[in-house]
């Protein structure tokens, strides 16, 4: 995916996790290895490659979490 498209998506995305995933791909495009990117807290090199693959296969929508089964979590206010 083109860098300007990813940069624009990063600026406009509200979901922190998706922004983090876009940043991983941008760092790969900058020439950093998945191992270097994976040294960041809460980030493993195989996850970097996983999100890169999802982006290639599904586009930007692939960087969002897929729906999960089960009842949605309740907020503290609802409990």
PDB file of N, CA and C in Angstrom:
ATOM      1  N   UNK A   1       0.853  -1.173   0.000  1.00  0.00           N
ATOM      2  CA  UNK A   1       0.000   0.000   0.000  1.00  0.00           C
ATOM      3  C   UNK A   1       0.899   1.237   0.000  1.00  0.00           C
ATOM      4  N   UNK A   2       0.457   2.252  -0.696  1.00  0.00           N
ATOM      5  CA  UNK A   2       1.248   3.480  -0.816  1.00  0.00           C
ATOM      6  C   UNK A   2       1.395   4.189   0.530  1.00  0.00           C
ATOM      7  N   UNK A   3       2.558   4.739   0.744  1.00  0.00           N
ATOM      8  CA  UNK A   3       2.854   5.444   1.989  1.00  0.00           C
ATOM      9  C   UNK A   3       1.903   6.618   2.250  1.00  0.00           C
ATOM     10  N   UNK A   4       1.622   7.486   1.246  1.00  0.00           N
ATOM     11  CA  UNK A   4       0.701   8.602   1.526  1.00  0.00           C
ATOM     12  C   UNK A   4      -0.681   8.128   1.992  1.00  0.00           C
ATOM     13  N   UNK A   5      -1.145   7.021   1.451  1.00  0.00           N
ATOM     14  CA  UNK A   5      -2.449   6.479   1.859  1.00  0.00           C
ATOM     15  C   UNK A   5      -2.381   6.030   3.317  1.00  0.00           C
ATOM     16  N   UNK A   6      -1.303   5.335   3.672  1.00  0.00           N
ATOM     17  CA  UNK A   6      -1.140   4.879   5.055  1.00  0.00           C
ATOM     18  C   UNK A   6      -0.993   6.052   6.021  1.00  0.00           C
ATOM     19  N   UNK A   7      -0.246   7.061   5.624  1.00  0.00           N
ATOM     20  CA  UNK A   7      -0.071   8.228   6.496  1.00  0.00           C
ATOM     21  C   UNK A   7      -1.392   8.949   6.722  1.00  0.00           C
ATOM     22  N   UNK A   8      -2.188   9.073   5.679  1.00  0.00           N
ATOM     23  CA  UNK A   8      -3.497   9.722   5.814  1.00  0.00           C
ATOM     24  C   UNK A   8      -4.412   8.887   6.703  1.00  0.00           C
ATOM     25  N   UNK A   9      -4.369   7.567   6.528  1.00  0.00           N
ATOM     26  CA  UNK A   9      -5.181   6.682   7.368  1.00  0.00           C
ATOM     27  C   UNK A   9      -4.744   6.800   8.826  1.00  0.00           C
ATOM     28  N   UNK A  10      -3.440   6.894   9.056  1.00  0.00           N
ATOM     29  CA  UNK A  10      -2.923   7.020  10.420  1.00  0.00           C
ATOM     30  C   UNK A  10      -3.433   8.309  11.070  1.00  0.00           C
ATOM     31  N   UNK A  11      -3.458   9.403  10.304  1.00  0.00           N
ATOM     32  CA  UNK A  11      -3.916  10.694  10.839  1.00  0.00           C
ATOM     33  C   UNK A  11      -5.411  10.690  11.156  1.00  0.00           C
ATOM     34  N   UNK A  12      -6.195  10.011  10.333  1.00  0.00           N
ATOM     35  CA  UNK A  12      -7.648  10.082  10.486  1.00  0.00           C
ATOM     36  C   UNK A  12      -8.227   8.969  11.362  1.00  0.00           C
ATOM     37  N   UNK A  13      -7.471   7.933  11.631  1.00  0.00           N
ATOM     38  CA  UNK A  13      -7.975   6.794  12.414  1.00  0.00           C
ATOM     39  C   UNK A  13      -8.139   7.171  13.880  1.00  0.00           C
ATOM     40  N   UNK A  14      -9.267   6.766  14.468  1.00  0.00           N
ATOM     41  CA  UNK A  14      -9.541   7.074  15.868  1.00  0.00           C
ATOM     42  C   UNK A  14      -9.146   5.921  16.805  1.00  0.00           C
ATOM     43  N   UNK A  15      -9.149   4.706  16.289  1.00  0.00           N
ATOM     44  CA  UNK A  15      -8.831   3.523  17.092  1.00  0.00           C
ATOM     45  C   UNK A  15      -7.313   3.432  17.302  1.00  0.00           C
ATOM     46  N   UNK A  16      -6.901   3.483  18.564  1.00  0.00           N
ATOM     47  CA  UNK A  16      -5.471   3.476  18.886  1.00  0.00           C
ATOM     48  C   UNK A  16      -4.771   2.221  18.374  1.00  0.00           C
ATOM     49  N   UNK A  17      -5.419   1.063  18.515  1.00  0.00           N
ATOM     50  CA  UNK A  17      -4.793  -0.188  18.082  1.00  0.00           C
ATOM     51  C   UNK A  17      -4.545  -0.194  16.580  1.00  0.00           C
ATOM     52  N   UNK A  18      -5.484   0.334  15.810  1.00  0.00           N
ATOM     53  CA  UNK A  18      -5.328   0.379  14.352  1.00  0.00           C
ATOM     54  C   UNK A  18      -4.213   1.353  13.986  1.00  0.00           C
ATOM     55  N   UNK A  19      -4.161   2.486  14.677  1.00  0.00           N
ATOM     56  CA  UNK A  19      -3.075   3.452  14.428  1.00  0.00           C
ATOM     57  C   UNK A  19      -1.714   2.810  14.699  1.00  0.00           C
ATOM     58  N   UNK A  20      -1.629   2.027  15.756  1.00  0.00           N
ATOM     59  CA  UNK A  20      -0.393   1.333  16.108  1.00  0.00           C
ATOM     60  C   UNK A  20      -0.001   0.341  15.002  1.00  0.00           C
ATOM     61  N   UNK A  21      -0.972  -0.352  14.446  1.00  0.00           N
ATOM     62  CA  UNK A  21      -0.716  -1.324  13.379  1.00  0.00           C
ATOM     63  C   UNK A  21      -0.261  -0.631  12.096  1.00  0.00           C
ATOM     64  N   UNK A  22      -0.871   0.501  11.789  1.00  0.00           N
ATOM     65  CA  UNK A  22      -0.446   1.275  10.610  1.00  0.00           C
ATOM     66  C   UNK A  22       0.994   1.730  10.801  1.00  0.00           C
ATOM     67  N   UNK A  23       1.318   2.174  11.999  1.00  0.00           N
ATOM     68  CA  UNK A  23       2.678   2.626  12.292  1.00  0.00           C
ATOM     69  C   UNK A  23       3.689   1.490  12.115  1.00  0.00           C
ATOM     70  N   UNK A  24       3.326   0.271  12.509  1.00  0.00           N
ATOM     71  CA  UNK A  24       4.205  -0.883  12.303  1.00  0.00           C
ATOM     72  C   UNK A  24       4.536  -1.057  10.827  1.00  0.00           C
ATOM     73  N   UNK A  25       3.509  -0.976   9.984  1.00  0.00           N
ATOM     74  CA  UNK A  25       3.708  -1.157   8.545  1.00  0.00           C
ATOM     75  C   UNK A  25       4.557  -0.021   7.979  1.00  0.00           C
ATOM     76  N   UNK A  26       4.318   1.199   8.435  1.00  0.00           N
ATOM     77  CA  UNK A  26       5.128   2.333   7.979  1.00  0.00           C
ATOM     78  C   UNK A  26       6.599   2.142   8.357  1.00  0.00           C
ATOM     79  N   UNK A  27       6.844   1.633   9.556  1.00  0.00           N
ATOM     80  CA  UNK A  27       8.221   1.391   9.976  1.00  0.00           C
ATOM     81  C   UNK A  27       8.870   0.296   9.132  1.00  0.00           C
ATOM     82  N   UNK A  28       8.099  -0.722   8.733  1.00  0.00           N
ATOM     83  CA  UNK A  28       8.619  -1.742   7.819  1.00  0.00           C
ATOM     84  C   UNK A  28       9.004  -1.114   6.488  1.00  0.00           C
ATOM     85  N   UNK A  29       8.158  -0.210   5.999  1.00  0.00           N
ATOM     86  CA  UNK A  29       8.453   0.472   4.736  1.00  0.00           C
ATOM     87  C   UNK A  29       9.695   1.352   4.849  1.00  0.00           C
ATOM     88  N   UNK A  30       9.977   1.836   6.052  1.00  0.00           N
ATOM     89  CA  UNK A  30      11.179   2.648   6.279  1.00  0.00           C
ATOM     90  C   UNK A  30      12.446   1.796   6.316  1.00  0.00           C
ATOM     91  N   UNK A  31      12.278   0.483   6.302  1.00  0.00           N
ATOM     92  CA  UNK A  31      13.434  -0.405   6.280  1.00  0.00           C
ATOM     93  C   UNK A  31      13.781  -1.048   7.608  1.00  0.00           C
ATOM     94  N   UNK A  32      12.993  -0.773   8.654  1.00  0.00           N
ATOM     95  CA  UNK A  32      13.240  -1.432   9.937  1.00  0.00           C
ATOM     96  C   UNK A  32      12.807  -2.892   9.843  1.00  0.00           C
ATOM     97  N   UNK A  33      13.508  -3.764  10.524  1.00  0.00           N
ATOM     98  CA  UNK A  33      13.137  -5.178  10.519  1.00  0.00           C
ATOM     99  C   UNK A  33      11.987  -5.408  11.499  1.00  0.00           C
ATOM    100  N   UNK A  34      11.285  -6.516  11.306  1.00  0.00           N
ATOM    101  CA  UNK A  34      10.193  -6.846  12.222  1.00  0.00           C
ATOM    102  C   UNK A  34      10.737  -7.082  13.628  1.00  0.00           C
ATOM    103  N   UNK A  35      11.979  -7.549  13.731  1.00  0.00           N
ATOM    104  CA  UNK A  35      12.582  -7.762  15.051  1.00  0.00           C
ATOM    105  C   UNK A  35      12.844  -6.434  15.763  1.00  0.00           C
ATOM    106  N   UNK A  36      13.300  -5.424  15.016  1.00  0.00           N
ATOM    107  CA  UNK A  36      13.535  -4.105  15.634  1.00  0.00           C
ATOM    108  C   UNK A  36      12.221  -3.482  16.073  1.00  0.00           C
ATOM    109  N   UNK A  37      11.218  -3.569  15.218  1.00  0.00           N
ATOM    110  CA  UNK A  37       9.909  -3.018  15.564  1.00  0.00           C
ATOM    111  C   UNK A  37       9.339  -3.786  16.750  1.00  0.00           C
ATOM    112  N   UNK A  38       9.571  -5.088  16.778  1.00  0.00           N
ATOM    113  CA  UNK A  38       9.064  -5.950  17.842  1.00  0.00           C
ATOM    114  C   UNK A  38       9.703  -5.728  19.196  1.00  0.00           C
ATOM    115  N   UNK A  39      10.757  -4.956  19.273  1.00  0.00           N
ATOM    116  CA  UNK A  39      11.383  -4.646  20.563  1.00  0.00           C
ATOM    117  C   UNK A  39      10.564  -3.647  21.373  1.00  0.00           C
ATOM    118  N   UNK A  40       9.615  -3.002  20.733  1.00  0.00           N
ATOM    119  CA  UNK A  40       8.778  -2.033  21.434  1.00  0.00           C
ATOM    120  C   UNK A  40       7.875  -2.775  22.424  1.00  0.00           C
ATOM    121  N   UNK A  41       7.490  -2.120  23.501  1.00  0.00           N
ATOM    122  CA  UNK A  41       6.618  -2.779  24.477  1.00  0.00           C
ATOM    123  C   UNK A  41       5.323  -3.287  23.837  1.00  0.00           C
ATOM    124  N   UNK A  42       4.891  -4.443  24.270  1.00  0.00           N
ATOM    125  CA  UNK A  42       3.636  -5.060  23.820  1.00  0.00           C
ATOM    126  C   UNK A  42       3.613  -5.319  22.317  1.00  0.00           C
ATOM    127  N   UNK A  43       4.746  -5.606  21.735  1.00  0.00           N
ATOM    128  CA  UNK A  43       4.807  -5.824  20.293  1.00  0.00           C
ATOM    129  C   UNK A  43       5.843  -6.909  20.009  1.00  0.00           C
ATOM    130  N   UNK A  44       5.434  -7.987  19.378  1.00  0.00           N
ATOM    131  CA  UNK A  44       6.349  -9.064  19.020  1.00  0.00           C
ATOM    132  C   UNK A  44       6.541  -9.080  17.513  1.00  0.00           C
ATOM    133  N   UNK A  45       7.706  -9.531  17.067  1.00  0.00           N
ATOM    134  CA  UNK A  45       8.021  -9.454  15.638  1.00  0.00           C
ATOM    135  C   UNK A  45       7.029 -10.221  14.775  1.00  0.00           C
ATOM    136  N   UNK A  46       6.517 -11.356  15.256  1.00  0.00           N
ATOM    137  CA  UNK A  46       5.571 -12.104  14.432  1.00  0.00           C
ATOM    138  C   UNK A  46       4.239 -11.374  14.300  1.00  0.00           C
ATOM    139  N   UNK A  47       3.892 -10.537  15.272  1.00  0.00           N
ATOM    140  CA  UNK A  47       2.677  -9.724  15.157  1.00  0.00           C
ATOM    141  C   UNK A  47       2.844  -8.649  14.083  1.00  0.00           C
ATOM    142  N   UNK A  48       4.045  -8.093  13.979  1.00  0.00           N
ATOM    143  CA  UNK A  48       4.327  -7.098  12.939  1.00  0.00           C
ATOM    144  C   UNK A  48       4.088  -7.732  11.572  1.00  0.00           C
ATOM    145  N   UNK A  49       4.619  -8.937  11.373  1.00  0.00           N
ATOM    146  CA  UNK A  49       4.448  -9.631  10.093  1.00  0.00           C
ATOM    147  C   UNK A  49       2.989 -10.023   9.859  1.00  0.00           C
ATOM    148  N   UNK A  50       2.293 -10.382  10.945  1.00  0.00           N
ATOM    149  CA  UNK A  50       0.874 -10.726  10.841  1.00  0.00           C
ATOM    150  C   UNK A  50       0.070  -9.545  10.304  1.00  0.00           C
ATOM    151  N   UNK A  51       0.283  -8.348  10.861  1.00  0.00           N
ATOM    152  CA  UNK A  51      -0.477  -7.170  10.431  1.00  0.00           C
ATOM    153  C   UNK A  51      -0.068  -6.719   9.039  1.00  0.00           C
ATOM    154  N   UNK A  52       1.192  -6.901   8.693  1.00  0.00           N
ATOM    155  CA  UNK A  52       1.637  -6.594   7.328  1.00  0.00           C
ATOM    156  C   UNK A  52       0.890  -7.485   6.336  1.00  0.00           C
ATOM    157  N   UNK A  53       0.795  -8.766   6.655  1.00  0.00           N
ATOM    158  CA  UNK A  53       0.088  -9.711   5.785  1.00  0.00           C
ATOM    159  C   UNK A  53      -1.397  -9.363   5.696  1.00  0.00           C
ATOM    160  N   UNK A  54      -2.029  -9.051   6.829  1.00  0.00           N
ATOM    161  CA  UNK A  54      -3.453  -8.686   6.822  1.00  0.00           C
ATOM    162  C   UNK A  54      -3.696  -7.456   5.960  1.00  0.00           C
ATOM    163  N   UNK A  55      -2.791  -6.475   6.022  1.00  0.00           N
ATOM    164  CA  UNK A  55      -2.922  -5.273   5.200  1.00  0.00           C
ATOM    165  C   UNK A  55      -2.833  -5.636   3.724  1.00  0.00           C
ATOM    166  N   UNK A  56      -1.887  -6.496   3.367  1.00  0.00           N
ATOM    167  CA  UNK A  56      -1.721  -6.896   1.972  1.00  0.00           C
ATOM    168  C   UNK A  56      -2.936  -7.663   1.461  1.00  0.00           C
ATOM    169  N   UNK A  57      -3.509  -8.506   2.296  1.00  0.00           N
ATOM    170  CA  UNK A  57      -4.636  -9.346   1.887  1.00  0.00           C
ATOM    171  C   UNK A  57      -5.971  -8.598   1.885  1.00  0.00           C
ATOM    172  N   UNK A  58      -6.200  -7.746   2.890  1.00  0.00           N
ATOM    173  CA  UNK A  58      -7.524  -7.156   3.094  1.00  0.00           C
ATOM    174  C   UNK A  58      -7.559  -5.636   2.990  1.00  0.00           C
ATOM    175  N   UNK A  59      -6.421  -4.997   2.813  1.00  0.00           N
ATOM    176  CA  UNK A  59      -6.394  -3.541   2.774  1.00  0.00           C
ATOM    177  C   UNK A  59      -6.510  -2.968   4.178  1.00  0.00           C
ATOM    178  N   UNK A  60      -6.845  -1.701   4.262  1.00  0.00           N
ATOM    179  CA  UNK A  60      -6.912  -1.024   5.565  1.00  0.00           C
ATOM    180  C   UNK A  60      -7.940  -1.639   6.508  1.00  0.00           C
ATOM    181  N   UNK A  61      -9.020  -2.189   5.967  1.00  0.00           N
ATOM    182  CA  UNK A  61     -10.023  -2.809   6.841  1.00  0.00           C
ATOM    183  C   UNK A  61      -9.452  -4.025   7.559  1.00  0.00           C
ATOM    184  N   UNK A  62      -8.420  -4.639   6.996  1.00  0.00           N
ATOM    185  CA  UNK A  62      -7.788  -5.787   7.630  1.00  0.00           C
ATOM    186  C   UNK A  62      -7.051  -5.446   8.911  1.00  0.00           C
ATOM    187  N   UNK A  63      -6.772  -4.171   9.140  1.00  0.00           N
ATOM    188  CA  UNK A  63      -6.070  -3.759  10.351  1.00  0.00           C
ATOM    189  C   UNK A  63      -7.009  -3.568  11.539  1.00  0.00           C
ATOM    190  N   UNK A  64      -8.303  -3.623  11.282  1.00  0.00           N
ATOM    191  CA  UNK A  64      -9.289  -3.528  12.364  1.00  0.00           C
ATOM    192  C   UNK A  64      -9.527  -4.916  12.944  1.00  0.00           C
ATOM    193  N   UNK A  65      -9.916  -4.971  14.211  1.00  0.00           N
ATOM    194  CA  UNK A  65     -10.242  -6.248  14.836  1.00  0.00           C
ATOM    195  C   UNK A  65     -11.464  -6.847  14.162  1.00  0.00           C
ATOM    196  N   UNK A  66     -11.442  -8.167  14.007  1.00  0.00           N
ATOM    197  CA  UNK A  66     -12.607  -8.859  13.452  1.00  0.00           C
ATOM    198  C   UNK A  66     -13.629  -9.050  14.567  1.00  0.00           C
ATOM    199  N   UNK A  67     -14.911  -9.139  14.202  1.00  0.00           N
ATOM    200  CA  UNK A  67     -15.943  -9.351  15.222  1.00  0.00           C
ATOM    201  C   UNK A  67     -15.691 -10.652  15.988  1.00  0.00           C
ATOM    202  N   UNK A  68     -15.994 -10.639  17.249  1.00  0.00           N
ATOM    203  CA  UNK A  68     -15.812 -11.818  18.097  1.00  0.00           C
ATOM    204  C   UNK A  68     -17.165 -12.334  18.553  1.00  0.00           C
ATOM    205  N   UNK A  69     -17.208 -13.603  18.849  1.00  0.00           N
ATOM    206  CA  UNK A  69     -18.454 -14.183  19.329  1.00  0.00           C
ATOM    207  C   UNK A  69     -18.627 -13.851  20.808  1.00  0.00           C
ATOM    208  N   UNK A  70     -19.846 -14.001  21.267  1.00  0.00           N
ATOM    209  CA  UNK A  70     -20.118 -13.765  22.679  1.00  0.00           C
ATOM    210  C   UNK A  70     -20.771 -12.422  22.930  1.00  0.00           C
ATOM    211  N   UNK A  71     -21.165 -12.248  24.158  1.00  0.00           N
ATOM    212  CA  UNK A  71     -21.839 -11.027  24.565  1.00  0.00           C
ATOM    213  C   UNK A  71     -20.818  -9.902  24.690  1.00  0.00           C
ATOM    214  N   UNK A  72     -21.171  -8.695  24.232  1.00  0.00           N
ATOM    215  CA  UNK A  72     -20.254  -7.554  24.375  1.00  0.00           C
ATOM    216  C   UNK A  72     -19.988  -7.244  25.848  1.00  0.00           C
ATOM    217  N   UNK A  73     -18.828  -6.749  26.147  1.00  0.00           N
ATOM    218  CA  UNK A  73     -18.476  -6.383  27.518  1.00  0.00           C
ATOM    219  C   UNK A  73     -19.310  -5.191  27.972  1.00  0.00           C
ATOM    220  N   UNK A  74     -19.609  -5.157  29.259  1.00  0.00           N
ATOM    221  CA  UNK A  74     -20.347  -4.030  29.830  1.00  0.00           C
ATOM    222  C   UNK A  74     -19.354  -3.032  30.393  1.00  0.00           C
ATOM    223  N   UNK A  75     -19.710  -1.769  30.299  1.00  0.00           N
ATOM    224  CA  UNK A  75     -18.860  -0.740  30.896  1.00  0.00           C
ATOM    225  C   UNK A  75     -19.075  -0.735  32.407  1.00  0.00           C
ATOM    226  N   UNK A  76     -18.197  -0.100  33.124  1.00  0.00           N
ATOM    227  CA  UNK A  76     -18.330  -0.028  34.580  1.00  0.00           C
ATOM    228  C   UNK A  76     -19.611   0.671  34.998  1.00  0.00           C
ATOM    229  N   UNK A  77     -20.069   1.624  34.203  1.00  0.00           N
ATOM    230  CA  UNK A  77     -21.291   2.360  34.529  1.00  0.00           C
ATOM    231  C   UNK A  77     -22.518   1.452  34.447  1.00  0.00           C
ATOM    232  N   UNK A  78     -22.470   0.439  33.582  1.00  0.00           N
ATOM    233  CA  UNK A  78     -23.614  -0.455  33.407  1.00  0.00           C
ATOM    234  C   UNK A  78     -23.682  -1.532  34.481  1.00  0.00           C
ATOM    235  N   UNK A  79     -22.586  -1.798  35.175  1.00  0.00           N
ATOM    236  CA  UNK A  79     -22.544  -2.898  36.161  1.00  0.00           C
ATOM    237  C   UNK A  79     -23.197  -2.554  37.453  1.00  0.00           C
TER     238      UNK A  79
END
